[in-house]
Amino acid sequence: MRHVSRGGIYLRIAERSWKDPLSPAYSLERGGRWNPARAFGALYLNDSAELARAQVRRKLEPRGIRPEDLEPAAGPVLVKTDVPAGRFVDAVSEAGLRSLSLPASYPLSISGEEIPHSRCQPIGADAWKAGEPGIACRSAAAPDLEELALFDRNLELKPASTQRFEAWY
């Protein structure tokens, strides 16, 4: 596995009702792109508000809802946190993707379909077993932007600020 250095301000989309918006408990229970359900948790963070907005659109559009249709009180909040600088598994660069046996077109296959979570989860499990802190990756919601999947080992992030939906979207 190749590595990239990452750290600094990242953003988490969260429901207003969540007690701890920086908890990886949801992904531990249900799984995510890089973590199989009930194996270990991962906290999925966005590198920009632009990506967070793309994530919201991606979630709503299959249901025929536009973000503009949401009542402001019903929209998710955006939680800012500061991730300590570190080395993360590289699923961003072409060399990093090759080292993970993923195509240079990731998050899409060579034929243009989204690579499924079932292909990424074993990679995440290998990274977890190797003691890695997480994976920096291209986002399926906006491939030119990055997400950071932080594994739940030694995860001690604090919210730096929280913005209401109408303020950040």
Protein backbone atom coordinates (compact mmCIF):
# COMPACT_ATOMS: atom_id res chain seq x y z
CA MET A 1 0.00 0.00 0.00
CA ARG A 2 1.19 3.47 -0.85
CA HIS A 3 0.58 6.43 1.45
CA VAL A 4 -0.29 10.12 1.26
CA SER A 5 -0.04 12.77 3.94
CA ARG A 6 -3.30 14.33 4.97
CA GLY A 7 -4.63 16.36 7.88
CA GLY A 8 -6.27 19.66 8.69
CA ILE A 9 -9.88 20.73 8.44
CA TYR A 10 -12.40 18.13 7.25
CA LEU A 11 -16.18 18.18 7.23
CA ARG A 12 -18.80 15.69 8.34
CA ILE A 13 -22.42 15.74 7.20
CA ALA A 14 -24.62 14.88 10.17
CA GLU A 15 -28.25 14.76 11.16
CA ARG A 16 -29.20 17.38 13.74
CA SER A 17 -30.40 14.65 16.08
CA TRP A 18 -27.10 12.78 16.28
CA LYS A 19 -25.62 12.91 19.76
CA ASP A 20 -22.06 12.49 18.53
CA PRO A 21 -21.71 13.49 14.87
CA LEU A 22 -18.08 12.31 14.83
CA SER A 23 -18.88 8.78 15.93
CA PRO A 24 -18.11 5.88 13.57
CA ALA A 25 -20.90 3.80 15.18
CA TYR A 26 -23.23 4.03 12.17
CA SER A 27 -20.64 2.63 9.76
CA LEU A 28 -19.66 -0.04 12.29
CA GLU A 29 -23.25 -1.26 12.29
CA ARG A 30 -24.01 -0.91 8.56
CA GLY A 31 -20.63 -0.86 6.88
CA GLY A 32 -19.37 1.65 4.36
CA ARG A 33 -17.19 1.84 1.29
CA TRP A 34 -14.02 0.84 3.16
CA ASN A 35 -15.38 -1.06 6.17
CA PRO A 36 -17.50 -4.21 6.29
CA ALA A 37 -20.43 -4.10 8.71
CA ARG A 38 -19.63 -5.13 12.29
CA ALA A 39 -15.89 -5.54 11.56
CA PHE A 40 -14.64 -2.06 12.51
CA GLY A 41 -15.93 1.48 12.23
CA ALA A 42 -14.86 4.24 9.90
CA LEU A 43 -15.66 7.92 10.02
CA TYR A 44 -16.20 9.31 6.53
CA LEU A 45 -15.16 12.95 6.12
CA ASN A 46 -15.26 15.42 3.22
CA ASP A 47 -12.34 17.62 2.22
CA SER A 48 -14.56 20.57 1.27
CA ALA A 49 -18.04 22.08 1.48
CA GLU A 50 -18.25 21.51 -2.28
CA LEU A 51 -17.93 17.77 -1.71
CA ALA A 52 -20.39 17.84 1.20
CA ARG A 53 -22.95 19.48 -1.10
CA ALA A 54 -22.30 16.81 -3.76
CA GLN A 55 -22.82 14.11 -1.13
CA VAL A 56 -26.19 15.57 -0.14
CA ARG A 57 -27.30 15.72 -3.79
CA ARG A 58 -26.17 12.12 -4.31
CA LYS A 59 -28.22 10.97 -1.34
CA LEU A 60 -31.40 12.88 -2.24
CA GLU A 61 -31.58 12.68 -6.04
CA PRO A 62 -32.54 8.97 -6.27
CA ARG A 63 -35.63 9.87 -4.21
CA GLY A 64 -36.52 12.72 -6.53
CA ILE A 65 -35.66 15.36 -3.94
CA ARG A 66 -33.47 18.38 -4.53
CA PRO A 67 -31.59 19.93 -1.60
CA GLU A 68 -33.45 23.18 -2.30
CA ASP A 69 -36.71 21.33 -1.56
CA LEU A 70 -35.70 20.63 2.05
CA GLU A 71 -37.02 22.73 4.87
CA PRO A 72 -33.97 24.35 6.49
CA ALA A 73 -34.67 22.59 9.80
CA ALA A 74 -34.78 19.21 8.02
CA GLY A 75 -31.41 19.53 6.31
CA PRO A 76 -28.22 18.04 7.71
CA VAL A 77 -25.69 20.09 9.60
CA LEU A 78 -22.05 20.38 8.63
CA VAL A 79 -19.55 19.61 11.37
CA LYS A 80 -16.02 20.93 11.01
CA THR A 81 -13.20 19.03 12.69
CA ASP A 82 -9.41 19.17 12.66
CA VAL A 83 -7.75 15.89 11.69
CA PRO A 84 -4.18 15.50 12.97
CA ALA A 85 -1.63 15.28 10.17
CA GLY A 86 -0.67 11.73 9.31
CA ARG A 87 -0.02 9.14 6.65
CA PHE A 88 -3.05 7.47 5.14
CA VAL A 89 -3.50 4.71 2.58
CA ASP A 90 -3.49 6.30 -0.88
CA ALA A 91 -6.62 5.68 -2.94
CA VAL A 92 -6.18 9.04 -4.68
CA SER A 93 -3.16 8.83 -7.00
CA GLU A 94 -2.89 6.43 -9.92
CA ALA A 95 0.12 4.74 -8.27
CA GLY A 96 -1.80 4.39 -5.01
CA LEU A 97 -4.82 2.93 -6.80
CA ARG A 98 -2.59 0.44 -8.67
CA SER A 99 -1.07 -0.66 -5.36
CA LEU A 100 -4.62 -1.47 -4.17
CA SER A 101 -5.50 -3.28 -7.43
CA LEU A 102 -8.03 -0.59 -8.30
CA PRO A 103 -8.25 0.98 -11.78
CA ALA A 104 -6.88 4.46 -12.45
CA SER A 105 -10.50 5.41 -13.25
CA TYR A 106 -11.56 4.82 -9.61
CA PRO A 107 -14.23 5.41 -8.28
CA LEU A 108 -15.51 4.19 -11.64
CA SER A 109 -14.60 0.95 -13.35
CA ILE A 110 -13.01 1.03 -16.79
CA SER A 111 -16.52 0.51 -18.24
CA GLY A 112 -17.80 3.56 -16.33
CA GLU A 113 -19.79 1.90 -13.55
CA GLU A 114 -19.24 2.80 -9.91
CA ILE A 115 -16.94 0.35 -8.17
CA PRO A 116 -19.04 -1.33 -5.46
CA HIS A 117 -18.36 -1.24 -1.75
CA SER A 118 -17.86 -5.03 -1.87
CA ARG A 119 -14.66 -4.47 -3.86
CA CYS A 120 -13.32 -1.76 -1.52
CA GLN A 121 -14.20 -3.36 1.82
CA PRO A 122 -11.53 -6.12 1.63
CA ILE A 123 -8.94 -3.41 0.91
CA GLY A 124 -10.13 -1.50 3.96
CA ALA A 125 -10.03 -4.67 6.05
CA ASP A 126 -6.42 -5.31 4.95
CA ALA A 127 -5.51 -1.71 5.83
CA TRP A 128 -7.22 -2.07 9.21
CA LYS A 129 -5.31 -5.33 9.93
CA ALA A 130 -2.05 -3.60 8.92
CA GLY A 131 -2.67 -0.93 11.59
CA GLU A 132 -3.36 1.90 9.15
CA PRO A 133 -5.25 4.93 10.51
CA GLY A 134 -7.47 5.26 7.43
CA ILE A 135 -7.76 5.78 3.70
CA ALA A 136 -7.65 8.97 1.61
CA CYS A 137 -9.75 8.39 -1.48
CA ARG A 138 -11.45 9.95 -4.46
CA SER A 139 -15.12 10.49 -3.78
CA ALA A 140 -17.84 8.63 -5.67
CA ALA A 141 -19.99 11.77 -5.32
CA ALA A 142 -17.36 13.99 -7.00
CA PRO A 143 -14.30 12.04 -8.26
CA ASP A 144 -12.11 15.15 -8.47
CA LEU A 145 -12.57 15.71 -4.71
CA GLU A 146 -11.41 13.67 -1.74
CA GLU A 147 -12.84 11.91 1.24
CA LEU A 148 -10.97 10.66 4.26
CA ALA A 149 -12.11 7.44 5.88
CA LEU A 150 -10.72 7.38 9.42
CA PHE A 151 -10.69 4.00 11.09
CA ASP A 152 -12.06 3.91 14.62
CA ARG A 153 -8.77 3.10 16.32
CA ASN A 154 -7.59 5.97 18.53
CA LEU A 155 -10.19 8.25 16.99
CA GLU A 156 -10.46 11.33 19.20
CA LEU A 157 -11.83 14.12 17.08
CA LYS A 158 -13.76 17.04 18.47
CA PRO A 159 -16.22 19.22 16.57
CA ALA A 160 -14.63 22.61 15.89
CA SER A 161 -17.91 24.12 14.71
CA THR A 162 -21.33 23.16 13.39
CA GLN A 163 -23.22 24.98 10.65
CA ARG A 164 -26.95 24.74 10.01
CA PHE A 165 -28.00 23.47 6.57
CA GLU A 166 -29.16 26.85 5.31
CA ALA A 167 -25.78 28.34 6.21
CA TRP A 168 -23.58 25.82 4.43
CA TYR A 169 -25.65 24.48 1.53
